[in-house]
């Protein structure tokens, strides 16, 4: 349910920047037959500027139900995140696909 990319623009020298996205829910929200589990929600984007040794910045992209995500970097450095969100009638029955565009400054909160 997660995605990880190097956030260097094409042709840019390696910077050590990584972007990671996943549903970051720490609560055990529901109990399937196999036992308590975490609901897929709070899709969060994290930024590392040291090749993943630390994750200095994070920001919630989708506070509600959200599942699988995929990240890409455009030639101008803009980051795209395509992800599932919304619920139809079951926990993993996603209603929408959304495409978000943002820059590293957004993740940094600047």
C-alpha atoms as a PDB file:
ATOM      1  CA  UNK A   1       0.000   0.000   0.000  1.00  0.00           C
ATOM      2  CA  UNK A   2       3.022   2.302  -0.129  1.00  0.00           C
ATOM      3  CA  UNK A   3       5.236   3.987  -2.680  1.00  0.00           C
ATOM      4  CA  UNK A   4       8.838   5.208  -2.501  1.00  0.00           C
ATOM      5  CA  UNK A   5      10.711   7.329  -5.061  1.00  0.00           C
ATOM      6  CA  UNK A   6      13.923   9.297  -5.384  1.00  0.00           C
ATOM      7  CA  UNK A   7      12.854  12.948  -5.666  1.00  0.00           C
ATOM      8  CA  UNK A   8      15.543  14.192  -8.023  1.00  0.00           C
ATOM      9  CA  UNK A   9      14.360  15.966 -11.140  1.00  0.00           C
ATOM     10  CA  UNK A  10      15.543  14.285 -14.357  1.00  0.00           C
ATOM     11  CA  UNK A  11      19.096  15.397 -15.155  1.00  0.00           C
ATOM     12  CA  UNK A  12      19.645  16.679 -11.601  1.00  0.00           C
ATOM     13  CA  UNK A  13      22.645  15.373  -9.642  1.00  0.00           C
ATOM     14  CA  UNK A  14      21.611  12.905  -6.893  1.00  0.00           C
ATOM     15  CA  UNK A  15      20.454  14.804  -3.811  1.00  0.00           C
ATOM     16  CA  UNK A  16      19.586  12.060  -1.333  1.00  0.00           C
ATOM     17  CA  UNK A  17      15.916  13.123  -1.339  1.00  0.00           C
ATOM     18  CA  UNK A  18      13.361  10.326  -1.042  1.00  0.00           C
ATOM     19  CA  UNK A  19       9.580  10.633  -0.920  1.00  0.00           C
ATOM     20  CA  UNK A  20       7.448   7.916   0.687  1.00  0.00           C
ATOM     21  CA  UNK A  21       3.642   7.645   0.842  1.00  0.00           C
ATOM     22  CA  UNK A  22       1.496   5.204   2.819  1.00  0.00           C
ATOM     23  CA  UNK A  23      -1.686   5.008   4.925  1.00  0.00           C
ATOM     24  CA  UNK A  24      -0.239   5.991   8.313  1.00  0.00           C
ATOM     25  CA  UNK A  25      -2.880   4.786  10.740  1.00  0.00           C
ATOM     26  CA  UNK A  26      -1.636   3.489  14.098  1.00  0.00           C
ATOM     27  CA  UNK A  27      -5.099   2.700  15.516  1.00  0.00           C
ATOM     28  CA  UNK A  28      -6.586  -0.787  15.403  1.00  0.00           C
ATOM     29  CA  UNK A  29      -9.897   0.249  13.863  1.00  0.00           C
ATOM     30  CA  UNK A  30     -11.683  -2.954  12.979  1.00  0.00           C
ATOM     31  CA  UNK A  31     -11.565  -6.644  13.767  1.00  0.00           C
ATOM     32  CA  UNK A  32     -11.688  -9.126  10.868  1.00  0.00           C
ATOM     33  CA  UNK A  33     -11.751 -12.847  11.617  1.00  0.00           C
ATOM     34  CA  UNK A  34      -7.929 -12.862  11.826  1.00  0.00           C
ATOM     35  CA  UNK A  35      -7.870 -10.311  14.675  1.00  0.00           C
ATOM     36  CA  UNK A  36      -7.607  -6.531  15.098  1.00  0.00           C
ATOM     37  CA  UNK A  37      -6.262  -4.671  12.075  1.00  0.00           C
ATOM     38  CA  UNK A  38      -5.464  -1.126  11.021  1.00  0.00           C
ATOM     39  CA  UNK A  39      -7.808   0.654   8.644  1.00  0.00           C
ATOM     40  CA  UNK A  40      -6.245   2.155   5.548  1.00  0.00           C
ATOM     41  CA  UNK A  41      -6.512   5.898   6.213  1.00  0.00           C
ATOM     42  CA  UNK A  42      -4.419   9.021   6.792  1.00  0.00           C
ATOM     43  CA  UNK A  43      -2.408   8.756   3.576  1.00  0.00           C
ATOM     44  CA  UNK A  44       0.820  10.497   4.579  1.00  0.00           C
ATOM     45  CA  UNK A  45       3.711  11.747   2.453  1.00  0.00           C
ATOM     46  CA  UNK A  46       7.157  11.726   4.101  1.00  0.00           C
ATOM     47  CA  UNK A  47      10.407  13.333   2.952  1.00  0.00           C
ATOM     48  CA  UNK A  48      13.959  12.200   3.648  1.00  0.00           C
ATOM     49  CA  UNK A  49      16.854  14.392   2.584  1.00  0.00           C
ATOM     50  CA  UNK A  50      19.566  11.899   3.620  1.00  0.00           C
ATOM     51  CA  UNK A  51      18.781   8.752   1.593  1.00  0.00           C
ATOM     52  CA  UNK A  52      16.273   7.432   4.119  1.00  0.00           C
ATOM     53  CA  UNK A  53      18.368   7.618   7.290  1.00  0.00           C
ATOM     54  CA  UNK A  54      15.835  10.077   8.753  1.00  0.00           C
ATOM     55  CA  UNK A  55      12.402  11.270   7.665  1.00  0.00           C
ATOM     56  CA  UNK A  56      12.493  14.943   8.560  1.00  0.00           C
ATOM     57  CA  UNK A  57       9.132  16.048   7.152  1.00  0.00           C
ATOM     58  CA  UNK A  58       5.673  14.526   6.775  1.00  0.00           C
ATOM     59  CA  UNK A  59       2.257  15.744   5.766  1.00  0.00           C
ATOM     60  CA  UNK A  60      -1.161  14.094   5.540  1.00  0.00           C
ATOM     61  CA  UNK A  61      -2.401  14.078   1.962  1.00  0.00           C
ATOM     62  CA  UNK A  62      -5.744  12.307   2.575  1.00  0.00           C
ATOM     63  CA  UNK A  63      -7.059  12.214   6.181  1.00  0.00           C
ATOM     64  CA  UNK A  64      -9.894   9.775   5.461  1.00  0.00           C
ATOM     65  CA  UNK A  65      -9.884   6.261   4.019  1.00  0.00           C
ATOM     66  CA  UNK A  66      -7.042   5.815   1.519  1.00  0.00           C
ATOM     67  CA  UNK A  67      -5.260   2.785   0.174  1.00  0.00           C
ATOM     68  CA  UNK A  68      -2.686   1.986  -2.436  1.00  0.00           C
ATOM     69  CA  UNK A  69      -0.601   4.868  -3.769  1.00  0.00           C
ATOM     70  CA  UNK A  70       1.956   5.411  -6.523  1.00  0.00           C
ATOM     71  CA  UNK A  71       4.420   8.310  -6.764  1.00  0.00           C
ATOM     72  CA  UNK A  72       6.128   9.914  -9.791  1.00  0.00           C
ATOM     73  CA  UNK A  73       8.344  12.955 -10.391  1.00  0.00           C
ATOM     74  CA  UNK A  74       7.787  15.264 -13.371  1.00  0.00           C
ATOM     75  CA  UNK A  75      10.700  16.892 -15.249  1.00  0.00           C
ATOM     76  CA  UNK A  76      10.135  20.172 -13.348  1.00  0.00           C
ATOM     77  CA  UNK A  77      10.386  18.376  -9.966  1.00  0.00           C
ATOM     78  CA  UNK A  78       6.638  18.345  -9.277  1.00  0.00           C
ATOM     79  CA  UNK A  79       5.572  15.157  -7.486  1.00  0.00           C
ATOM     80  CA  UNK A  80       2.438  13.238  -8.433  1.00  0.00           C
ATOM     81  CA  UNK A  81       0.632  10.802  -6.154  1.00  0.00           C
ATOM     82  CA  UNK A  82      -2.135   8.601  -7.563  1.00  0.00           C
ATOM     83  CA  UNK A  83      -4.081   6.904  -4.770  1.00  0.00           C
ATOM     84  CA  UNK A  84      -7.308   5.147  -3.787  1.00  0.00           C
ATOM     85  CA  UNK A  85      -9.684   6.885  -1.408  1.00  0.00           C
ATOM     86  CA  UNK A  86     -13.229   6.843  -0.102  1.00  0.00           C
ATOM     87  CA  UNK A  87     -15.292   3.832   0.908  1.00  0.00           C
ATOM     88  CA  UNK A  88     -18.301   2.367  -0.867  1.00  0.00           C
ATOM     89  CA  UNK A  89     -19.596  -0.179   1.632  1.00  0.00           C
ATOM     90  CA  UNK A  90     -16.668  -2.216   2.966  1.00  0.00           C
ATOM     91  CA  UNK A  91     -13.326  -1.287   4.460  1.00  0.00           C
ATOM     92  CA  UNK A  92     -11.269  -1.988   1.319  1.00  0.00           C
ATOM     93  CA  UNK A  93     -13.897  -1.202  -1.297  1.00  0.00           C
ATOM     94  CA  UNK A  94     -12.443   2.080  -2.562  1.00  0.00           C
ATOM     95  CA  UNK A  95     -14.701   4.549  -4.305  1.00  0.00           C
ATOM     96  CA  UNK A  96     -12.288   6.939  -6.053  1.00  0.00           C
ATOM     97  CA  UNK A  97      -8.861   7.304  -7.583  1.00  0.00           C
ATOM     98  CA  UNK A  98      -7.296  10.723  -6.973  1.00  0.00           C
ATOM     99  CA  UNK A  99      -4.244  12.397  -8.434  1.00  0.00           C
ATOM    100  CA  UNK A 100      -2.451  14.945  -6.256  1.00  0.00           C
ATOM    101  CA  UNK A 101       0.294  17.330  -7.441  1.00  0.00           C
ATOM    102  CA  UNK A 102       2.684  18.922  -4.961  1.00  0.00           C
ATOM    103  CA  UNK A 103       6.249  20.060  -4.489  1.00  0.00           C
ATOM    104  CA  UNK A 104       8.791  19.329  -1.805  1.00  0.00           C
ATOM    105  CA  UNK A 105       7.989  22.683  -0.174  1.00  0.00           C
ATOM    106  CA  UNK A 106       4.429  21.452   0.451  1.00  0.00           C
ATOM    107  CA  UNK A 107       5.773  18.346   2.237  1.00  0.00           C
ATOM    108  CA  UNK A 108       8.124  20.562   4.246  1.00  0.00           C
ATOM    109  CA  UNK A 109       5.170  22.752   5.257  1.00  0.00           C
ATOM    110  CA  UNK A 110       6.752  25.841   3.702  1.00  0.00           C
END
